[in-house]
C-alpha atoms as a PDB file:
ATOM      1  CA  MET A   1     -72.451 -65.022  96.274  1.00  0.00           C
ATOM      2  CA  ALA A   2     -74.841 -62.577  97.834  1.00  0.00           C
ATOM      3  CA  SER A   3     -74.728 -61.913 101.535  1.00  0.00           C
ATOM      4  CA  THR A   4     -77.464 -63.364 103.683  1.00  0.00           C
ATOM      5  CA  ASP A   5     -78.707 -62.983 107.227  1.00  0.00           C
ATOM      6  CA  LEU A   6     -79.013 -66.748 107.687  1.00  0.00           C
ATOM      7  CA  PRO A   7     -77.095 -68.212 110.643  1.00  0.00           C
ATOM      8  CA  SER A   8     -73.412 -68.981 110.247  1.00  0.00           C
ATOM      9  CA  ALA A   9     -74.142 -72.472 111.580  1.00  0.00           C
ATOM     10  CA  PHE A  10     -74.818 -73.592 108.012  1.00  0.00           C
ATOM     11  CA  CYS A  11     -71.145 -74.570 107.828  1.00  0.00           C
ATOM     12  CA  ALA A  12     -70.631 -75.950 111.322  1.00  0.00           C
ATOM     13  CA  ALA A  13     -68.722 -79.134 112.171  1.00  0.00           C
ATOM     14  CA  PRO A  14     -69.780 -79.981 115.728  1.00  0.00           C
ATOM     15  CA  SER A  15     -69.619 -82.968 118.004  1.00  0.00           C
ATOM     16  CA  VAL A  16     -73.074 -82.433 119.555  1.00  0.00           C
ATOM     17  CA  PHE A  17     -76.106 -80.965 117.776  1.00  0.00           C
ATOM     18  CA  ILE A  18     -79.481 -80.099 119.260  1.00  0.00           C
ATOM     19  CA  TRP A  19     -82.262 -80.764 116.764  1.00  0.00           C
ATOM     20  CA  PRO A  20     -85.116 -78.264 117.322  1.00  0.00           C
ATOM     21  CA  ARG A  21     -88.447 -79.627 118.413  1.00  0.00           C
ATOM     22  CA  ARG A  22     -90.506 -78.333 115.511  1.00  0.00           C
ATOM     23  CA  PHE A  23     -88.017 -78.919 112.720  1.00  0.00           C
ATOM     24  CA  LEU A  24     -89.205 -81.784 110.535  1.00  0.00           C
ATOM     25  CA  LEU A  25     -87.460 -83.184 107.506  1.00  0.00           C
ATOM     26  CA  SER A  26     -89.425 -83.897 104.362  1.00  0.00           C
ATOM     27  CA  PRO A  27     -89.214 -87.639 103.643  1.00  0.00           C
ATOM     28  CA  GLU A  28     -88.847 -87.064  99.914  1.00  0.00           C
ATOM     29  CA  ASP A  29     -85.828 -84.776 100.301  1.00  0.00           C
ATOM     30  CA  SER A  30     -82.800 -87.037  99.891  1.00  0.00           C
ATOM     31  CA  ARG A  31     -80.438 -84.052  99.798  1.00  0.00           C
ATOM     32  CA  ILE A  32     -81.374 -82.814 103.248  1.00  0.00           C
ATOM     33  CA  LEU A  33     -77.808 -83.034 104.581  1.00  0.00           C
ATOM     34  CA  THR A  34     -76.033 -82.006 101.368  1.00  0.00           C
ATOM     35  CA  ARG A  35     -73.744 -79.007 101.764  1.00  0.00           C
ATOM     36  CA  VAL A  36     -75.337 -76.009 100.044  1.00  0.00           C
ATOM     37  CA  HIS A  37     -74.391 -72.412  99.354  1.00  0.00           C
ATOM     38  CA  VAL A  38     -77.026 -69.740  99.958  1.00  0.00           C
ATOM     39  CA  LEU A  39     -77.020 -67.420  96.949  1.00  0.00           C
ATOM     40  CA  HIS A  40     -79.853 -65.132  97.868  1.00  0.00           C
ATOM     41  CA  SER A  41     -82.604 -64.835 100.473  1.00  0.00           C
ATOM     42  CA  ALA A  42     -85.856 -62.912 100.373  1.00  0.00           C
ATOM     43  CA  HIS A  43     -85.909 -59.808 102.543  1.00  0.00           C
ATOM     44  CA  ALA A  44     -88.234 -60.097 105.508  1.00  0.00           C
ATOM     45  CA  LYS A  45     -90.183 -56.948 104.572  1.00  0.00           C
ATOM     46  CA  ARG A  46     -90.814 -57.879 100.946  1.00  0.00           C
ATOM     47  CA  THR A  47     -92.999 -60.485  99.326  1.00  0.00           C
ATOM     48  CA  ALA A  48     -90.517 -61.147  96.523  1.00  0.00           C
ATOM     49  CA  THR A  49     -87.048 -60.187  95.416  1.00  0.00           C
ATOM     50  CA  VAL A  50     -84.912 -60.597  92.323  1.00  0.00           C
ATOM     51  CA  ALA A  51     -82.837 -63.763  92.459  1.00  0.00           C
ATOM     52  CA  HIS A  52     -79.239 -64.292  91.462  1.00  0.00           C
ATOM     53  CA  PRO A  53     -78.942 -63.290  87.755  1.00  0.00           C
ATOM     54  CA  ASP A  54     -77.315 -66.580  86.710  1.00  0.00           C
ATOM     55  CA  SER A  55     -79.778 -68.807  88.479  1.00  0.00           C
ATOM     56  CA  GLY A  56     -82.543 -68.982  85.913  1.00  0.00           C
ATOM     57  CA  HIS A  57     -85.095 -68.104  88.618  1.00  0.00           C
ATOM     58  CA  GLY A  58     -86.871 -64.765  88.342  1.00  0.00           C
ATOM     59  CA  LYS A  59     -88.336 -64.455  91.816  1.00  0.00           C
ATOM     60  CA  VAL A  60     -87.575 -65.733  95.299  1.00  0.00           C
ATOM     61  CA  LYS A  61     -90.592 -65.497  97.586  1.00  0.00           C
ATOM     62  CA  GLN A  62     -90.440 -64.362 101.151  1.00  0.00           C
ATOM     63  CA  GLY A  63     -89.300 -67.138 103.476  1.00  0.00           C
ATOM     64  CA  ARG A  64     -87.381 -68.922 100.726  1.00  0.00           C
ATOM     65  CA  VAL A  65     -83.750 -68.900  99.639  1.00  0.00           C
ATOM     66  CA  LEU A  66     -81.900 -69.629  96.429  1.00  0.00           C
ATOM     67  CA  VAL A  67     -79.226 -72.266  96.895  1.00  0.00           C
ATOM     68  CA  SER A  68     -76.657 -74.106  94.827  1.00  0.00           C
ATOM     69  CA  TYR A  69     -75.652 -77.646  95.764  1.00  0.00           C
ATOM     70  CA  GLU A  70     -72.023 -78.571  96.258  1.00  0.00           C
ATOM     71  CA  ASP A  71     -72.547 -81.872  94.452  1.00  0.00           C
ATOM     72  CA  GLY A  72     -72.816 -79.923  91.198  1.00  0.00           C
ATOM     73  CA  GLU A  73     -76.566 -79.958  90.703  1.00  0.00           C
ATOM     74  CA  GLU A  74     -78.353 -76.850  89.463  1.00  0.00           C
ATOM     75  CA  CYS A  75     -79.626 -74.047  91.638  1.00  0.00           C
ATOM     76  CA  ASP A  76     -82.901 -74.416  93.453  1.00  0.00           C
ATOM     77  CA  VAL A  77     -85.327 -72.284  95.455  1.00  0.00           C
ATOM     78  CA  VAL A  78     -86.211 -73.851  98.797  1.00  0.00           C
ATOM     79  CA  LYS A  79     -87.954 -72.875 102.002  1.00  0.00           C
ATOM     80  CA  ILE A  80     -85.681 -71.753 104.802  1.00  0.00           C
ATOM     81  CA  ALA A  81     -87.284 -74.445 106.952  1.00  0.00           C
ATOM     82  CA  ARG A  82     -86.000 -77.077 104.502  1.00  0.00           C
ATOM     83  CA  LEU A  83     -82.365 -76.113 105.052  1.00  0.00           C
ATOM     84  CA  VAL A  84     -80.171 -77.576 107.756  1.00  0.00           C
ATOM     85  CA  PRO A  85     -76.517 -76.892 108.509  1.00  0.00           C
ATOM     86  CA  ALA A  86     -73.978 -78.798 106.478  1.00  0.00           C
ATOM     87  CA  ILE A  87     -72.434 -81.059 109.093  1.00  0.00           C
ATOM     88  CA  ASP A  88     -69.469 -83.379 109.080  1.00  0.00           C
ATOM     89  CA  GLU A  89     -69.761 -86.803 110.660  1.00  0.00           C
ATOM     90  CA  ARG A  90     -66.765 -86.228 112.926  1.00  0.00           C
ATOM     91  CA  ASP A  91     -65.361 -83.056 114.417  1.00  0.00           C
ATOM     92  CA  ALA A  92     -61.781 -81.805 114.419  1.00  0.00           C
ATOM     93  CA  ASN A  93     -60.948 -84.077 117.371  1.00  0.00           C
ATOM     94  CA  ASN A  94     -62.260 -87.148 115.518  1.00  0.00           C
ATOM     95  CA  LEU A  95     -65.150 -87.498 117.963  1.00  0.00           C
ATOM     96  CA  PRO A  96     -68.506 -88.937 116.895  1.00  0.00           C
ATOM     97  CA  LEU A  97     -71.246 -86.575 115.813  1.00  0.00           C
ATOM     98  CA  VAL A  98     -74.147 -86.790 118.269  1.00  0.00           C
ATOM     99  CA  VAL A  99     -77.538 -85.460 117.154  1.00  0.00           C
ATOM    100  CA  ILE A 100     -80.238 -85.180 119.830  1.00  0.00           C
ATOM    101  CA  CYS A 101     -83.898 -84.909 118.843  1.00  0.00           C
ATOM    102  CA  PRO A 102     -87.044 -84.813 121.016  1.00  0.00           C
ATOM    103  CA  ASP A 103     -89.649 -86.946 119.262  1.00  0.00           C
ATOM    104  CA  THR A 104     -90.183 -90.142 117.297  1.00  0.00           C
ATOM    105  CA  ARG A 105     -91.173 -88.514 114.015  1.00  0.00           C
ATOM    106  CA  THR A 106     -88.028 -86.406 113.882  1.00  0.00           C
ATOM    107  CA  PHE A 107     -85.930 -89.403 114.933  1.00  0.00           C
ATOM    108  CA  ARG A 108     -87.222 -91.416 111.982  1.00  0.00           C
ATOM    109  CA  HIS A 109     -86.571 -88.566 109.561  1.00  0.00           C
ATOM    110  CA  LEU A 110     -83.035 -88.175 110.906  1.00  0.00           C
ATOM    111  CA  ALA A 111     -82.388 -91.901 110.642  1.00  0.00           C
ATOM    112  CA  GLN A 112     -83.491 -91.719 107.019  1.00  0.00           C
ATOM    113  CA  ALA A 113     -81.409 -88.622 106.286  1.00  0.00           C
ATOM    114  CA  PHE A 114     -78.189 -90.045 107.725  1.00  0.00           C
ATOM    115  CA  ALA A 115     -78.527 -93.490 106.124  1.00  0.00           C
ATOM    116  CA  GLN A 116     -76.351 -93.958 103.042  1.00  0.00           C
ATOM    117  CA  LYS A 117     -76.000 -97.026 100.848  1.00  0.00           C
ATOM    118  CA  ASP A 118     -72.562 -97.976 102.180  1.00  0.00           C
ATOM    119  CA  ASP A 119     -73.512 -97.525 105.849  1.00  0.00           C
ATOM    120  CA  ARG A 120     -73.894-100.289 108.405  1.00  0.00           C
ATOM    121  CA  ILE A 121     -76.220 -99.032 111.116  1.00  0.00           C
ATOM    122  CA  LEU A 122     -77.096-100.368 114.564  1.00  0.00           C
ATOM    123  CA  GLU A 123     -80.455 -99.255 115.941  1.00  0.00           C
ATOM    124  CA  ILE A 124     -80.733 -99.581 119.723  1.00  0.00           C
ATOM    125  CA  GLY A 125     -84.369 -99.730 120.790  1.00  0.00           C
ATOM    126  CA  SER A 126     -85.914-100.783 117.481  1.00  0.00           C
ATOM    127  CA  SER A 127     -89.364-101.302 119.078  1.00  0.00           C
ATOM    128  CA  TRP A 128     -91.765-102.355 116.284  1.00  0.00           C
ATOM    129  CA  GLY A 129     -89.170-101.953 113.524  1.00  0.00           C
ATOM    130  CA  VAL A 130     -90.542 -98.864 111.764  1.00  0.00           C
ATOM    131  CA  ALA A 131     -87.317 -96.835 111.849  1.00  0.00           C
ATOM    132  CA  THR A 132     -85.303 -99.971 111.050  1.00  0.00           C
ATOM    133  CA  ASN A 133     -87.312-100.452 107.871  1.00  0.00           C
ATOM    134  CA  ILE A 134     -86.948 -96.772 106.949  1.00  0.00           C
ATOM    135  CA  ILE A 135     -83.167 -97.116 107.176  1.00  0.00           C
ATOM    136  CA  HIS A 136     -83.268-100.348 105.158  1.00  0.00           C
ATOM    137  CA  GLN A 137     -85.247 -98.618 102.394  1.00  0.00           C
ATOM    138  CA  GLN A 138     -82.408 -96.102 102.022  1.00  0.00           C
ATOM    139  CA  GLY A 139     -80.110 -98.935 100.975  1.00  0.00           C
ATOM    140  CA  ALA A 140     -78.088 -99.131 104.193  1.00  0.00           C
ATOM    141  CA  TRP A 141     -77.483-102.373 106.092  1.00  0.00           C
ATOM    142  CA  VAL A 142     -79.206-102.163 109.479  1.00  0.00           C
ATOM    143  CA  LEU A 143     -79.590-104.298 112.595  1.00  0.00           C
ATOM    144  CA  GLY A 144     -82.344-103.468 115.077  1.00  0.00           C
ATOM    145  CA  VAL A 145     -81.981-104.591 118.699  1.00  0.00           C
ATOM    146  CA  ASP A 146     -84.613-104.389 121.411  1.00  0.00           C
ATOM    147  CA  SER A 147     -85.323-105.908 124.827  1.00  0.00           C
ATOM    148  CA  SER A 148     -88.947-106.736 123.974  1.00  0.00           C
ATOM    149  CA  ALA A 149     -89.434-110.278 122.677  1.00  0.00           C
ATOM    150  CA  GLU A 150     -92.906-109.301 121.472  1.00  0.00           C
ATOM    151  CA  GLY A 151     -91.533-106.330 119.549  1.00  0.00           C
ATOM    152  CA  ILE A 152     -88.751-108.355 117.930  1.00  0.00           C
ATOM    153  CA  GLU A 153     -91.150-111.123 116.868  1.00  0.00           C
ATOM    154  CA  ALA A 154     -93.604-108.618 115.374  1.00  0.00           C
ATOM    155  CA  SER A 155     -90.790-106.735 113.613  1.00  0.00           C
ATOM    156  CA  ARG A 156     -89.430-109.893 112.008  1.00  0.00           C
ATOM    157  CA  LYS A 157     -92.883-110.799 110.684  1.00  0.00           C
ATOM    158  CA  LYS A 158     -93.690-107.329 109.357  1.00  0.00           C
ATOM    159  CA  TYR A 159     -90.231-106.537 107.954  1.00  0.00           C
ATOM    160  CA  PRO A 160     -88.703-109.872 106.866  1.00  0.00           C
ATOM    161  CA  ASN A 161     -85.977-108.128 104.850  1.00  0.00           C
ATOM    162  CA  CYS A 162     -84.578-106.441 107.983  1.00  0.00           C
ATOM    163  CA  GLN A 163     -82.497-108.048 110.719  1.00  0.00           C
ATOM    164  CA  PHE A 164     -83.487-107.936 114.386  1.00  0.00           C
ATOM    165  CA  GLU A 165     -81.895-109.255 117.587  1.00  0.00           C
ATOM    166  CA  LEU A 166     -83.401-109.684 121.056  1.00  0.00           C
ATOM    167  CA  LEU A 167     -80.995-107.886 123.384  1.00  0.00           C
ATOM    168  CA  ASP A 168     -81.213-105.717 126.478  1.00  0.00           C
ATOM    169  CA  CYS A 169     -78.360-103.349 125.678  1.00  0.00           C
ATOM    170  CA  LEU A 170     -77.955-102.252 129.287  1.00  0.00           C
ATOM    171  CA  GLN A 171     -77.934-105.764 130.659  1.00  0.00           C
ATOM    172  CA  ASP A 172     -75.381-106.930 128.096  1.00  0.00           C
ATOM    173  CA  MET A 173     -73.232-104.066 126.846  1.00  0.00           C
ATOM    174  CA  HIS A 174     -70.451-106.492 125.973  1.00  0.00           C
ATOM    175  CA  ARG A 175     -72.687-108.356 123.509  1.00  0.00           C
ATOM    176  CA  LEU A 176     -73.937-105.045 122.116  1.00  0.00           C
ATOM    177  CA  LYS A 177     -70.379-104.025 121.288  1.00  0.00           C
ATOM    178  CA  ALA A 178     -69.647-107.496 119.901  1.00  0.00           C
ATOM    179  CA  LEU A 179     -72.584-107.158 117.491  1.00  0.00           C
ATOM    180  CA  ALA A 180     -71.433-103.707 116.389  1.00  0.00           C
ATOM    181  CA  ASP A 181     -67.890-104.988 115.844  1.00  0.00           C
ATOM    182  CA  LYS A 182     -69.053-108.140 114.057  1.00  0.00           C
ATOM    183  CA  HIS A 183     -71.075-106.165 111.529  1.00  0.00           C
ATOM    184  CA  SER A 184     -68.644-103.186 111.321  1.00  0.00           C
ATOM    185  CA  CYS A 185     -71.386-100.715 112.235  1.00  0.00           C
ATOM    186  CA  ASN A 186     -70.352 -97.118 111.570  1.00  0.00           C
ATOM    187  CA  LYS A 187     -73.536 -95.372 112.724  1.00  0.00           C
ATOM    188  CA  VAL A 188     -75.853 -95.837 115.704  1.00  0.00           C
ATOM    189  CA  CYS A 189     -79.450 -94.740 116.312  1.00  0.00           C
ATOM    190  CA  VAL A 190     -80.736 -94.836 119.902  1.00  0.00           C
ATOM    191  CA  ASP A 191     -84.331 -94.702 121.158  1.00  0.00           C
ATOM    192  CA  VAL A 192     -84.579 -96.555 124.471  1.00  0.00           C
ATOM    193  CA  GLY A 193     -87.772 -94.899 125.749  1.00  0.00           C
ATOM    194  CA  GLY A 194     -89.244 -95.571 129.169  1.00  0.00           C
ATOM    195  CA  ASP A 195     -89.701 -93.500 132.306  1.00  0.00           C
ATOM    196  CA  ARG A 196     -85.983 -93.517 133.119  1.00  0.00           C
ATOM    197  CA  SER A 197     -84.715 -92.911 129.582  1.00  0.00           C
ATOM    198  CA  LEU A 198     -82.568 -89.906 130.518  1.00  0.00           C
ATOM    199  CA  ASP A 199     -80.737 -91.804 133.256  1.00  0.00           C
ATOM    200  CA  VAL A 200     -80.344 -94.861 131.039  1.00  0.00           C
ATOM    201  CA  LEU A 201     -78.889 -92.782 128.201  1.00  0.00           C
ATOM    202  CA  ALA A 202     -76.527 -91.021 130.591  1.00  0.00           C
ATOM    203  CA  MET A 203     -74.983 -94.449 131.225  1.00  0.00           C
ATOM    204  CA  LEU A 204     -75.340 -95.921 127.741  1.00  0.00           C
ATOM    205  CA  LEU A 205     -74.060 -93.097 125.524  1.00  0.00           C
ATOM    206  CA  PRO A 206     -70.521 -92.926 126.976  1.00  0.00           C
ATOM    207  CA  PHE A 207     -70.190 -96.644 126.280  1.00  0.00           C
ATOM    208  CA  VAL A 208     -71.468 -96.242 122.714  1.00  0.00           C
ATOM    209  CA  GLU A 209     -69.181 -93.301 121.987  1.00  0.00           C
ATOM    210  CA  GLN A 210     -66.022 -94.623 123.669  1.00  0.00           C
ATOM    211  CA  GLU A 211     -66.248 -98.340 122.973  1.00  0.00           C
ATOM    212  CA  MET A 212     -68.206 -98.583 119.712  1.00  0.00           C
ATOM    213  CA  LYS A 213     -66.873 -95.334 118.195  1.00  0.00           C
ATOM    214  CA  PRO A 214     -69.556 -94.654 115.546  1.00  0.00           C
ATOM    215  CA  ASP A 215     -69.244 -91.819 113.056  1.00  0.00           C
ATOM    216  CA  VAL A 216     -72.769 -90.654 113.904  1.00  0.00           C
ATOM    217  CA  CYS A 217     -75.054 -91.289 116.873  1.00  0.00           C
ATOM    218  CA  VAL A 218     -78.676 -90.134 116.525  1.00  0.00           C
ATOM    219  CA  VAL A 219     -80.454 -90.001 119.887  1.00  0.00           C
ATOM    220  CA  LYS A 220     -84.170 -89.570 120.537  1.00  0.00           C
ATOM    221  CA  CYS A 221     -85.003 -88.424 124.063  1.00  0.00           C
ATOM    222  CA  GLU A 222     -87.350 -85.580 124.934  1.00  0.00           C
ATOM    223  CA  GLU A 223     -85.806 -85.112 128.385  1.00  0.00           C
ATOM    224  CA  MET A 224     -82.243 -85.090 127.067  1.00  0.00           C
ATOM    225  CA  HIS A 225     -83.195 -82.646 124.322  1.00  0.00           C
ATOM    226  CA  ALA A 226     -84.777 -80.284 126.872  1.00  0.00           C
ATOM    227  CA  HIS A 227     -81.749 -80.668 129.144  1.00  0.00           C
ATOM    228  CA  ALA A 228     -79.384 -79.813 126.271  1.00  0.00           C
ATOM    229  CA  VAL A 229     -81.438 -76.801 125.181  1.00  0.00           C
ATOM    230  CA  GLU A 230     -81.490 -75.479 128.742  1.00  0.00           C
ATOM    231  CA  HIS A 231     -77.735 -75.906 128.977  1.00  0.00           C
ATOM    232  CA  GLY A 232     -76.919 -74.460 125.579  1.00  0.00           C
ATOM    233  CA  ARG A 233     -79.455 -71.668 125.149  1.00  0.00           C
ATOM    234  CA  LEU A 234     -79.873 -71.372 121.385  1.00  0.00           C
ATOM    235  CA  SER A 235     -77.793 -68.492 120.097  1.00  0.00           C
ATOM    236  CA  HIS A 236     -80.155 -67.807 117.170  1.00  0.00           C
ATOM    237  CA  PRO A 237     -83.667 -67.973 118.675  1.00  0.00           C
ATOM    238  CA  GLU A 238     -85.228 -66.389 115.579  1.00  0.00           C
ATOM    239  CA  TYR A 239     -84.216 -69.470 113.577  1.00  0.00           C
ATOM    240  CA  ALA A 240     -84.857 -72.037 116.309  1.00  0.00           C
ATOM    241  CA  GLU A 241     -87.502 -73.776 114.227  1.00  0.00           C
ATOM    242  CA  HIS A 242     -85.354 -74.063 111.147  1.00  0.00           C
ATOM    243  CA  PHE A 243     -81.942 -75.405 112.005  1.00  0.00           C
ATOM    244  CA  LEU A 244     -80.042 -77.357 114.558  1.00  0.00           C
ATOM    245  CA  GLU A 245     -77.564 -75.797 116.934  1.00  0.00           C
ATOM    246  CA  LYS A 246     -74.127 -76.833 118.112  1.00  0.00           C
ATOM    247  CA  LEU A 247     -74.150 -77.409 121.841  1.00  0.00           C
ATOM    248  CA  PRO A 248     -71.507 -75.215 123.510  1.00  0.00           C
ATOM    249  CA  HIS A 249     -69.302 -76.745 126.190  1.00  0.00           C
ATOM    250  CA  ALA A 250     -70.568 -80.242 125.392  1.00  0.00           C
ATOM    251  CA  ASP A 251     -68.124 -81.867 127.818  1.00  0.00           C
ATOM    252  CA  GLU A 252     -69.529 -79.813 130.702  1.00  0.00           C
ATOM    253  CA  TRP A 253     -73.045 -80.784 129.697  1.00  0.00           C
ATOM    254  CA  ARG A 254     -72.156 -84.483 129.557  1.00  0.00           C
ATOM    255  CA  ALA A 255     -70.579 -84.343 133.017  1.00  0.00           C
ATOM    256  CA  LYS A 256     -73.580 -82.482 134.444  1.00  0.00           C
ATOM    257  CA  LEU A 257     -75.979 -84.970 132.861  1.00  0.00           C
ATOM    258  CA  ALA A 258     -74.117 -87.964 134.294  1.00  0.00           C
ATOM    259  CA  ALA A 259     -73.878 -86.407 137.772  1.00  0.00           C
ATOM    260  CA  GLU A 260     -77.592 -85.606 137.873  1.00  0.00           C
ATOM    261  CA  ALA A 261     -78.490 -89.103 136.669  1.00  0.00           C
ATOM    262  CA  ARG A 262     -76.271 -90.682 139.311  1.00  0.00           C
ATOM    263  CA  SER A 263     -77.874 -88.512 141.999  1.00  0.00           C
ATOM    264  CA  ARG A 264     -81.404 -89.455 140.912  1.00  0.00           C
ATOM    265  CA  ILE A 265     -80.520 -93.145 140.857  1.00  0.00           C
ATOM    266  CA  GLN A 266     -79.079 -93.004 144.375  1.00  0.00           C
ATOM    267  CA  LEU A 267     -82.148 -91.140 145.680  1.00  0.00           C
ATOM    268  CA  THR A 268     -84.394 -93.798 144.160  1.00  0.00           C
ATOM    269  CA  THR A 269     -82.488 -96.811 145.452  1.00  0.00           C
ATOM    270  CA  GLY A 270     -81.424 -95.369 148.812  1.00  0.00           C
ATOM    271  CA  SER A 271     -78.201 -96.453 150.497  1.00  0.00           C
ATOM    272  CA  ARG A 272     -76.020 -99.035 148.826  1.00  0.00           C
ATOM    273  CA  THR A 273     -76.758-102.551 149.957  1.00  0.00           C
ATOM    274  CA  ASN A 274     -75.744-104.274 146.743  1.00  0.00           C
ATOM    275  CA  PHE A 275     -72.217-105.195 147.711  1.00  0.00           C
ATOM    276  CA  THR A 276     -72.615-107.394 150.785  1.00  0.00           C
ATOM    277  CA  LEU A 277     -71.994-110.564 148.789  1.00  0.00           C
ATOM    278  CA  HIS A 278     -68.562-112.133 148.666  1.00  0.00           C
ATOM    279  CA  PRO A 279     -66.693-110.739 145.614  1.00  0.00           C
ATOM    280  CA  ARG A 280     -66.482-114.159 144.002  1.00  0.00           C
ATOM    281  CA  ARG A 281     -70.284-114.466 144.092  1.00  0.00           C
ATOM    282  CA  PHE A 282     -70.481-111.795 141.417  1.00  0.00           C
ATOM    283  CA  PRO A 283     -70.187-112.878 137.751  1.00  0.00           C
ATOM    284  CA  ALA A 284     -66.677-113.204 136.352  1.00  0.00           C
ATOM    285  CA  LYS A 285     -66.050-110.902 133.395  1.00  0.00           C
ATOM    286  CA  PHE A 286     -63.198-110.126 131.050  1.00  0.00           C
ATOM    287  CA  SER A 287     -61.799-106.742 130.112  1.00  0.00           C
ATOM    288  CA  PRO A 288     -61.821-105.613 126.451  1.00  0.00           C
ATOM    289  CA  ASP A 289     -58.200-106.851 126.348  1.00  0.00           C
ATOM    290  CA  GLY A 290     -59.283-110.353 127.350  1.00  0.00           C
ATOM    291  CA  LEU A 291     -57.924-110.235 130.917  1.00  0.00           C
ATOM    292  CA  LEU A 292     -60.107-111.460 133.774  1.00  0.00           C
ATOM    293  CA  ILE A 293     -61.323-108.517 135.869  1.00  0.00           C
ATOM    294  CA  CYS A 294     -60.427-108.667 139.558  1.00  0.00           C
ATOM    295  CA  ARG A 295     -63.659-108.977 141.547  1.00  0.00           C
ATOM    296  CA  TYR A 296     -61.909-108.398 144.873  1.00  0.00           C
ATOM    297  CA  HIS A 297     -60.710-105.015 143.596  1.00  0.00           C
ATOM    298  CA  ASN A 298     -64.173-104.186 142.232  1.00  0.00           C
ATOM    299  CA  TYR A 299     -66.325-105.212 145.195  1.00  0.00           C
ATOM    300  CA  ALA A 300     -64.024-105.160 148.227  1.00  0.00           C
ATOM    301  CA  THR A 301     -60.232-104.843 148.554  1.00  0.00           C
ATOM    302  CA  CYS A 302     -57.566-106.723 146.641  1.00  0.00           C
ATOM    303  CA  LYS A 303     -54.713-107.441 149.047  1.00  0.00           C
ATOM    304  CA  LYS A 304     -52.331-108.332 146.231  1.00  0.00           C
ATOM    305  CA  LEU A 305     -52.526-104.852 144.690  1.00  0.00           C
ATOM    306  CA  GLU A 306     -49.810-104.505 142.009  1.00  0.00           C
ATOM    307  CA  ARG A 307     -48.927-108.193 142.403  1.00  0.00           C
ATOM    308  CA  CYS A 308     -52.412-109.210 141.260  1.00  0.00           C
ATOM    309  CA  ASP A 309     -52.518-110.954 137.894  1.00  0.00           C
ATOM    310  CA  TYR A 310     -56.033-109.739 137.153  1.00  0.00           C
ATOM    311  CA  ASP A 311     -57.351-106.510 135.649  1.00  0.00           C
ATOM    312  CA  HIS A 312     -57.693-103.547 138.040  1.00  0.00           C
ATOM    313  CA  ARG A 313     -58.552-100.926 135.401  1.00  0.00           C
ATOM    314  CA  HIS A 314     -62.023-101.941 134.279  1.00  0.00           C
ATOM    315  CA  CYS A 315     -65.402-102.035 135.999  1.00  0.00           C
ATOM    316  CA  ASN A 316     -66.878-105.509 136.475  1.00  0.00           C
ATOM    317  CA  VAL A 317     -70.346-104.124 135.691  1.00  0.00           C
ATOM    318  CA  CYS A 318     -70.125-101.916 132.584  1.00  0.00           C
ATOM    319  CA  LEU A 319     -66.593-102.958 131.497  1.00  0.00           C
ATOM    320  CA  LEU A 320     -65.505 -99.322 131.181  1.00  0.00           C
ATOM    321  CA  ALA A 321     -62.169 -98.178 132.571  1.00  0.00           C
ATOM    322  CA  GLY A 322     -61.684 -95.667 135.368  1.00  0.00           C
ATOM    323  CA  HIS A 323     -63.972 -96.842 138.172  1.00  0.00           C
ATOM    324  CA  LYS A 324     -64.907 -99.882 140.248  1.00  0.00           C
ATOM    325  CA  ALA A 325     -68.206-101.745 140.308  1.00  0.00           C
ATOM    326  CA  THR A 326     -69.034-100.095 143.644  1.00  0.00           C
ATOM    327  CA  GLN A 327     -68.763 -96.712 141.908  1.00  0.00           C
ATOM    328  CA  CYS A 328     -70.692 -97.679 138.777  1.00  0.00           C
ATOM    329  CA  PRO A 329     -74.115 -96.001 138.318  1.00  0.00           C
ATOM    330  CA  ALA A 330     -75.265 -99.030 136.331  1.00  0.00           C
ATOM    331  CA  GLU A 331     -74.803-101.275 139.393  1.00  0.00           C
ATOM    332  CA  THR A 332     -76.929 -98.957 141.497  1.00  0.00           C
ATOM    333  CA  TYR A 333     -79.600 -98.765 138.818  1.00  0.00           C
ATOM    334  CA  PHE A 334     -79.884-102.461 138.054  1.00  0.00           C
ATOM    335  CA  GLY A 335     -79.371-103.773 141.574  1.00  0.00           C
ATOM    336  CA  ARG A 336     -77.328-106.700 142.766  1.00  0.00           C
ATOM    337  CA  GLY A 337     -75.197-108.199 140.036  1.00  0.00           C
ATOM    338  CA  GLY A 338     -75.542-105.209 137.737  1.00  0.00           C
ATOM    339  CA  ILE A 339     -75.173-105.680 133.993  1.00  0.00           C
ATOM    340  CA  HIS A 340     -74.539-109.270 132.922  1.00  0.00           C
END
């Protein structure tokens, strides 16, 4: 195999990928995420070069590379811009692969590229059902959920072979997880949109990753993409148009994103006035283990402490462990009562 100056990221196995703004997948290319081996690349100063002698190709034009596919198919000459890194759906720590893209067109191409016949995919923010139908056409089972009754009704009429559910994922995270569990969804696509999409995703994605545990999560958000690029600083700027980049120190980025979102939410809503109600006036909820969550602990003080028979681990708003309702950014964002 000839040496090449292409980025080493062609064999990466990350947990978070940044998908470059101007990289677009060709809809007809079903092998876009197939692992390939670069046999030869055209030199930047030449218009053509001799290809690998066993390839059957005489010339490789500038800007193209000769590749062989790991699935056993014959060699092919492709544009550099058509290649993406070979990526595994989970990293070494068994964490979901998160791919962040900045625009709707790229999001739809990614949804198509990741959809396989045996997949069961949940699309959060299905809007008018276009991406849902694209996934369905790949042979995967897909469920589109959206908070717009108008959008769901129109989607059902236009794409009768696809399934859609009316659901505000942030107002009912518990039902969102129940749907994913019921249908054994192994991949998630997220496009929530709106003026506060970055803050919403900062709250939603941890729930999706920790509670739903998909193999792949494709996220469309221009603000989040820009935030990730600023944090990561692409290490191969000369190829920024042609391949996606593993985000370094992803945990630090996630923490920074959540902290900034929480700060913006608090600046918007001002001081907390949401918790003046008696704890029992807030909706009763159950933990993922089926134990009733203690509302006194969440909204005031539980005098029973360790003698309390109710759950003190989980938030009565988002149902995640590790904080109270009075500390939950979702409660601040959605106002009194939080997520129901």
